[in-house]
Amino acid sequence: MNELSFQVKGSAVSVIVLELYRATPELFARQLDEKTSRAPQLFLNSSIVIDLENLAADVVPDFARLLEICRAFNMQPMAFRAVPEALLAQVRETGLAVLPAS
């Protein structure tokens, strides 16, 4: 008898997209606190994709700290999207998926 161990299926999954413009950890944490306090259940254990498409060109985020802050607010980062070539190696070090811009 051939027993299946798994099956692969396509699926659409709802996620929150966090568009990052600047990455000062203190400012990011304060603004994330303000945003999540307005609708805590919306963000609780929500999967998020961090979009870097509109990140200021001269900004090099501390991605480990950024993810740490998101997790402290009970968010579950799952991927980065629209990663500039110059930041690709650093983003890959996080272990999260890298998604195309579109």
N, C-alpha and C. Protein backbone atom coordinates (compact mmCIF):
# COMPACT_ATOMS: atom_id res chain seq x y z
N MET A 1 0.84 -1.18 0.00
CA MET A 1 0.00 0.00 0.00
C MET A 1 0.89 1.24 0.00
N ASN A 2 0.53 2.20 -0.83
CA ASN A 2 1.29 3.44 -0.93
C ASN A 2 0.59 4.52 -0.11
N GLU A 3 1.14 4.85 1.06
CA GLU A 3 0.54 5.88 1.91
C GLU A 3 1.22 7.21 1.66
N LEU A 4 0.43 8.24 1.40
CA LEU A 4 0.97 9.58 1.18
C LEU A 4 1.46 10.18 2.48
N SER A 5 2.61 10.83 2.41
CA SER A 5 3.11 11.56 3.57
C SER A 5 2.63 13.00 3.55
N PHE A 6 2.42 13.52 2.35
CA PHE A 6 1.96 14.91 2.23
C PHE A 6 1.39 15.13 0.85
N GLN A 7 0.76 16.28 0.69
CA GLN A 7 0.24 16.70 -0.60
C GLN A 7 0.55 18.18 -0.74
N VAL A 8 0.91 18.60 -1.91
CA VAL A 8 1.23 20.00 -2.17
C VAL A 8 0.05 20.64 -2.88
N LYS A 9 -0.43 21.77 -2.34
CA LYS A 9 -1.55 22.48 -2.93
C LYS A 9 -1.24 23.96 -2.96
N GLY A 10 -1.76 24.63 -3.95
CA GLY A 10 -1.67 26.08 -3.99
C GLY A 10 -2.74 26.68 -3.10
N SER A 11 -2.43 27.86 -2.55
CA SER A 11 -3.39 28.50 -1.67
C SER A 11 -3.11 29.99 -1.60
N ALA A 12 -4.14 30.77 -1.44
CA ALA A 12 -3.98 32.20 -1.19
C ALA A 12 -4.08 32.41 0.32
N VAL A 13 -3.13 33.12 0.87
CA VAL A 13 -3.07 33.33 2.31
C VAL A 13 -3.11 34.83 2.58
N SER A 14 -3.94 35.25 3.50
CA SER A 14 -3.99 36.66 3.87
C SER A 14 -2.84 36.97 4.83
N VAL A 15 -2.13 38.04 4.53
CA VAL A 15 -1.05 38.49 5.40
C VAL A 15 -1.12 40.01 5.51
N ILE A 16 -0.48 40.51 6.52
CA ILE A 16 -0.33 41.94 6.68
C ILE A 16 0.98 42.33 6.01
N VAL A 17 0.94 43.36 5.18
CA VAL A 17 2.16 43.86 4.54
C VAL A 17 2.59 45.12 5.29
N LEU A 18 3.80 45.08 5.78
CA LEU A 18 4.37 46.21 6.50
C LEU A 18 5.35 46.88 5.54
N GLU A 19 5.00 48.06 5.05
CA GLU A 19 5.88 48.80 4.13
C GLU A 19 6.87 49.60 4.96
N LEU A 20 8.14 49.28 4.81
CA LEU A 20 9.18 49.94 5.60
C LEU A 20 9.76 51.11 4.82
N TYR A 21 9.79 52.29 5.46
CA TYR A 21 10.36 53.49 4.83
C TYR A 21 11.69 53.86 5.47
N ARG A 22 11.73 53.76 6.78
CA ARG A 22 12.94 54.05 7.56
C ARG A 22 13.08 52.93 8.58
N ALA A 23 14.23 52.83 9.19
CA ALA A 23 14.43 51.68 10.07
C ALA A 23 15.14 52.01 11.37
N THR A 24 14.89 53.18 11.92
CA THR A 24 15.44 53.49 13.22
C THR A 24 14.70 52.64 14.25
N PRO A 25 15.38 51.72 14.93
CA PRO A 25 14.68 50.78 15.82
C PRO A 25 13.77 51.46 16.85
N GLU A 26 14.23 52.53 17.48
CA GLU A 26 13.42 53.17 18.52
C GLU A 26 12.14 53.77 17.93
N LEU A 27 12.28 54.47 16.81
CA LEU A 27 11.12 55.07 16.16
C LEU A 27 10.18 53.99 15.64
N PHE A 28 10.74 52.96 15.03
CA PHE A 28 9.95 51.84 14.51
C PHE A 28 9.14 51.20 15.64
N ALA A 29 9.79 50.92 16.76
CA ALA A 29 9.12 50.28 17.89
C ALA A 29 8.02 51.17 18.45
N ARG A 30 8.28 52.46 18.58
CA ARG A 30 7.28 53.37 19.12
C ARG A 30 6.06 53.45 18.19
N GLN A 31 6.30 53.58 16.90
CA GLN A 31 5.19 53.67 15.96
C GLN A 31 4.43 52.35 15.82
N LEU A 32 5.14 51.25 15.92
CA LEU A 32 4.47 49.95 15.88
C LEU A 32 3.61 49.76 17.12
N ASP A 33 4.08 50.24 18.25
CA ASP A 33 3.30 50.18 19.48
C ASP A 33 2.01 50.99 19.33
N GLU A 34 2.12 52.19 18.77
CA GLU A 34 0.94 53.03 18.55
C GLU A 34 -0.07 52.34 17.63
N LYS A 35 0.45 51.77 16.55
CA LYS A 35 -0.43 51.13 15.56
C LYS A 35 -1.10 49.88 16.14
N THR A 36 -0.35 49.04 16.82
CA THR A 36 -0.91 47.79 17.33
C THR A 36 -1.84 48.02 18.52
N SER A 37 -1.63 49.10 19.26
CA SER A 37 -2.50 49.36 20.42
C SER A 37 -3.91 49.75 19.98
N ARG A 38 -4.05 50.25 18.76
CA ARG A 38 -5.38 50.63 18.24
C ARG A 38 -6.23 49.42 17.88
N ALA A 39 -5.59 48.34 17.45
CA ALA A 39 -6.31 47.13 17.04
C ALA A 39 -5.46 45.91 17.39
N PRO A 40 -5.29 45.63 18.68
CA PRO A 40 -4.38 44.55 19.09
C PRO A 40 -4.73 43.18 18.51
N GLN A 41 -6.00 42.87 18.38
CA GLN A 41 -6.38 41.55 17.87
C GLN A 41 -6.04 41.38 16.39
N LEU A 42 -6.01 42.47 15.66
CA LEU A 42 -5.66 42.41 14.25
C LEU A 42 -4.21 41.94 14.06
N PHE A 43 -3.34 42.36 14.96
CA PHE A 43 -1.92 42.06 14.81
C PHE A 43 -1.47 40.83 15.59
N LEU A 44 -2.26 40.36 16.53
CA LEU A 44 -1.88 39.24 17.37
C LEU A 44 -1.62 37.98 16.54
N ASN A 45 -0.38 37.54 16.56
CA ASN A 45 0.06 36.34 15.82
C ASN A 45 -0.17 36.42 14.32
N SER A 46 -0.28 37.64 13.79
CA SER A 46 -0.48 37.81 12.35
C SER A 46 0.81 37.57 11.59
N SER A 47 0.68 36.90 10.48
CA SER A 47 1.82 36.74 9.57
C SER A 47 2.02 38.07 8.86
N ILE A 48 3.27 38.48 8.75
CA ILE A 48 3.55 39.74 8.05
C ILE A 48 4.63 39.55 7.01
N VAL A 49 4.50 40.32 5.96
CA VAL A 49 5.52 40.43 4.92
C VAL A 49 6.06 41.85 5.02
N ILE A 50 7.37 41.97 5.11
CA ILE A 50 8.00 43.28 5.21
C ILE A 50 8.43 43.71 3.82
N ASP A 51 7.79 44.76 3.33
CA ASP A 51 8.02 45.26 1.97
C ASP A 51 9.08 46.35 2.01
N LEU A 52 10.13 46.19 1.23
CA LEU A 52 11.23 47.15 1.20
C LEU A 52 11.22 48.03 -0.04
N GLU A 53 10.18 47.96 -0.82
CA GLU A 53 10.12 48.70 -2.09
C GLU A 53 10.28 50.21 -1.89
N ASN A 54 9.75 50.74 -0.82
CA ASN A 54 9.81 52.18 -0.58
C ASN A 54 10.82 52.58 0.49
N LEU A 55 11.72 51.66 0.81
CA LEU A 55 12.77 51.95 1.78
C LEU A 55 13.70 53.02 1.22
N ALA A 56 13.99 54.03 2.02
CA ALA A 56 14.90 55.09 1.58
C ALA A 56 16.22 54.46 1.13
N ALA A 57 16.74 54.92 0.02
CA ALA A 57 17.92 54.32 -0.60
C ALA A 57 19.16 54.32 0.30
N ASP A 58 19.26 55.29 1.17
CA ASP A 58 20.45 55.38 2.03
C ASP A 58 20.29 54.63 3.35
N VAL A 59 19.21 53.89 3.52
CA VAL A 59 18.92 53.19 4.77
C VAL A 59 19.39 51.75 4.70
N VAL A 60 20.13 51.32 5.72
CA VAL A 60 20.53 49.92 5.85
C VAL A 60 20.01 49.45 7.21
N PRO A 61 18.86 48.79 7.21
CA PRO A 61 18.24 48.38 8.47
C PRO A 61 19.03 47.30 9.20
N ASP A 62 18.86 47.26 10.50
CA ASP A 62 19.34 46.15 11.31
C ASP A 62 18.18 45.14 11.27
N PHE A 63 18.24 44.22 10.33
CA PHE A 63 17.11 43.32 10.11
C PHE A 63 16.83 42.43 11.31
N ALA A 64 17.87 41.98 12.00
CA ALA A 64 17.67 41.14 13.18
C ALA A 64 16.88 41.91 14.24
N ARG A 65 17.24 43.16 14.47
CA ARG A 65 16.54 43.99 15.45
C ARG A 65 15.10 44.26 15.00
N LEU A 66 14.92 44.54 13.72
CA LEU A 66 13.59 44.78 13.16
C LEU A 66 12.67 43.57 13.41
N LEU A 67 13.17 42.39 13.14
CA LEU A 67 12.37 41.18 13.35
C LEU A 67 12.10 40.95 14.83
N GLU A 68 13.08 41.24 15.65
CA GLU A 68 12.93 41.11 17.11
C GLU A 68 11.79 42.02 17.61
N ILE A 69 11.75 43.23 17.10
CA ILE A 69 10.70 44.18 17.49
C ILE A 69 9.33 43.67 17.03
N CYS A 70 9.24 43.21 15.79
CA CYS A 70 7.96 42.68 15.30
C CYS A 70 7.48 41.53 16.17
N ARG A 71 8.37 40.64 16.52
CA ARG A 71 8.00 39.48 17.34
C ARG A 71 7.61 39.90 18.75
N ALA A 72 8.23 40.95 19.27
CA ALA A 72 7.86 41.46 20.60
C ALA A 72 6.42 41.96 20.61
N PHE A 73 5.92 42.36 19.46
CA PHE A 73 4.53 42.80 19.33
C PHE A 73 3.63 41.67 18.84
N ASN A 74 4.10 40.43 19.02
CA ASN A 74 3.34 39.23 18.68
C ASN A 74 2.99 39.11 17.21
N MET A 75 3.83 39.67 16.35
CA MET A 75 3.67 39.50 14.92
C MET A 75 4.63 38.41 14.46
N GLN A 76 4.27 37.74 13.38
CA GLN A 76 5.07 36.63 12.88
C GLN A 76 5.64 36.96 11.49
N PRO A 77 6.81 37.58 11.42
CA PRO A 77 7.40 37.87 10.11
C PRO A 77 7.65 36.57 9.34
N MET A 78 7.22 36.55 8.07
CA MET A 78 7.40 35.34 7.28
C MET A 78 8.23 35.57 6.02
N ALA A 79 8.33 36.83 5.56
CA ALA A 79 9.06 37.08 4.32
C ALA A 79 9.37 38.57 4.17
N PHE A 80 10.32 38.83 3.30
CA PHE A 80 10.61 40.19 2.83
C PHE A 80 10.20 40.25 1.37
N ARG A 81 9.74 41.41 0.94
CA ARG A 81 9.33 41.58 -0.45
C ARG A 81 10.04 42.80 -1.02
N ALA A 82 10.34 42.74 -2.32
CA ALA A 82 10.95 43.86 -3.05
C ALA A 82 12.28 44.27 -2.41
N VAL A 83 13.14 43.31 -2.22
CA VAL A 83 14.43 43.57 -1.57
C VAL A 83 15.41 44.15 -2.58
N PRO A 84 15.98 45.32 -2.28
CA PRO A 84 17.00 45.88 -3.17
C PRO A 84 18.22 44.96 -3.22
N GLU A 85 18.83 44.89 -4.37
CA GLU A 85 20.01 44.03 -4.57
C GLU A 85 21.07 44.27 -3.50
N ALA A 86 21.27 45.52 -3.14
CA ALA A 86 22.31 45.86 -2.15
C ALA A 86 22.03 45.28 -0.77
N LEU A 87 20.78 44.94 -0.48
CA LEU A 87 20.42 44.41 0.84
C LEU A 87 20.10 42.92 0.83
N LEU A 88 20.19 42.32 -0.33
CA LEU A 88 19.77 40.92 -0.48
C LEU A 88 20.53 39.97 0.43
N ALA A 89 21.84 40.10 0.52
CA ALA A 89 22.63 39.20 1.37
C ALA A 89 22.23 39.32 2.83
N GLN A 90 22.02 40.54 3.30
CA GLN A 90 21.62 40.75 4.69
C GLN A 90 20.24 40.18 4.97
N VAL A 91 19.33 40.35 4.04
CA VAL A 91 17.98 39.83 4.21
C VAL A 91 18.01 38.30 4.23
N ARG A 92 18.80 37.70 3.39
CA ARG A 92 18.89 36.23 3.35
C ARG A 92 19.42 35.66 4.66
N GLU A 93 20.27 36.43 5.35
CA GLU A 93 20.81 35.99 6.64
C GLU A 93 19.72 35.82 7.69
N THR A 94 18.58 36.47 7.52
CA THR A 94 17.49 36.36 8.49
C THR A 94 16.82 34.99 8.44
N GLY A 95 16.96 34.31 7.30
CA GLY A 95 16.31 33.01 7.15
C GLY A 95 14.88 33.09 6.66
N LEU A 96 14.36 34.31 6.47
CA LEU A 96 13.00 34.45 5.98
C LEU A 96 12.98 34.36 4.45
N ALA A 97 11.83 34.10 3.91
CA ALA A 97 11.67 34.03 2.46
C ALA A 97 11.88 35.42 1.84
N VAL A 98 12.31 35.41 0.58
CA VAL A 98 12.47 36.64 -0.18
C VAL A 98 11.50 36.56 -1.36
N LEU A 99 10.56 37.51 -1.39
CA LEU A 99 9.53 37.51 -2.41
C LEU A 99 9.79 38.63 -3.42
N PRO A 100 9.39 38.43 -4.67
CA PRO A 100 9.56 39.49 -5.65
C PRO A 100 8.61 40.67 -5.36
N ALA A 101 8.89 41.79 -6.02
CA ALA A 101 8.09 42.99 -5.79
C ALA A 101 6.64 42.82 -6.19
N SER A 102 6.39 42.12 -7.27
CA SER A 102 4.99 42.02 -7.75
C SER A 102 4.33 40.75 -7.24
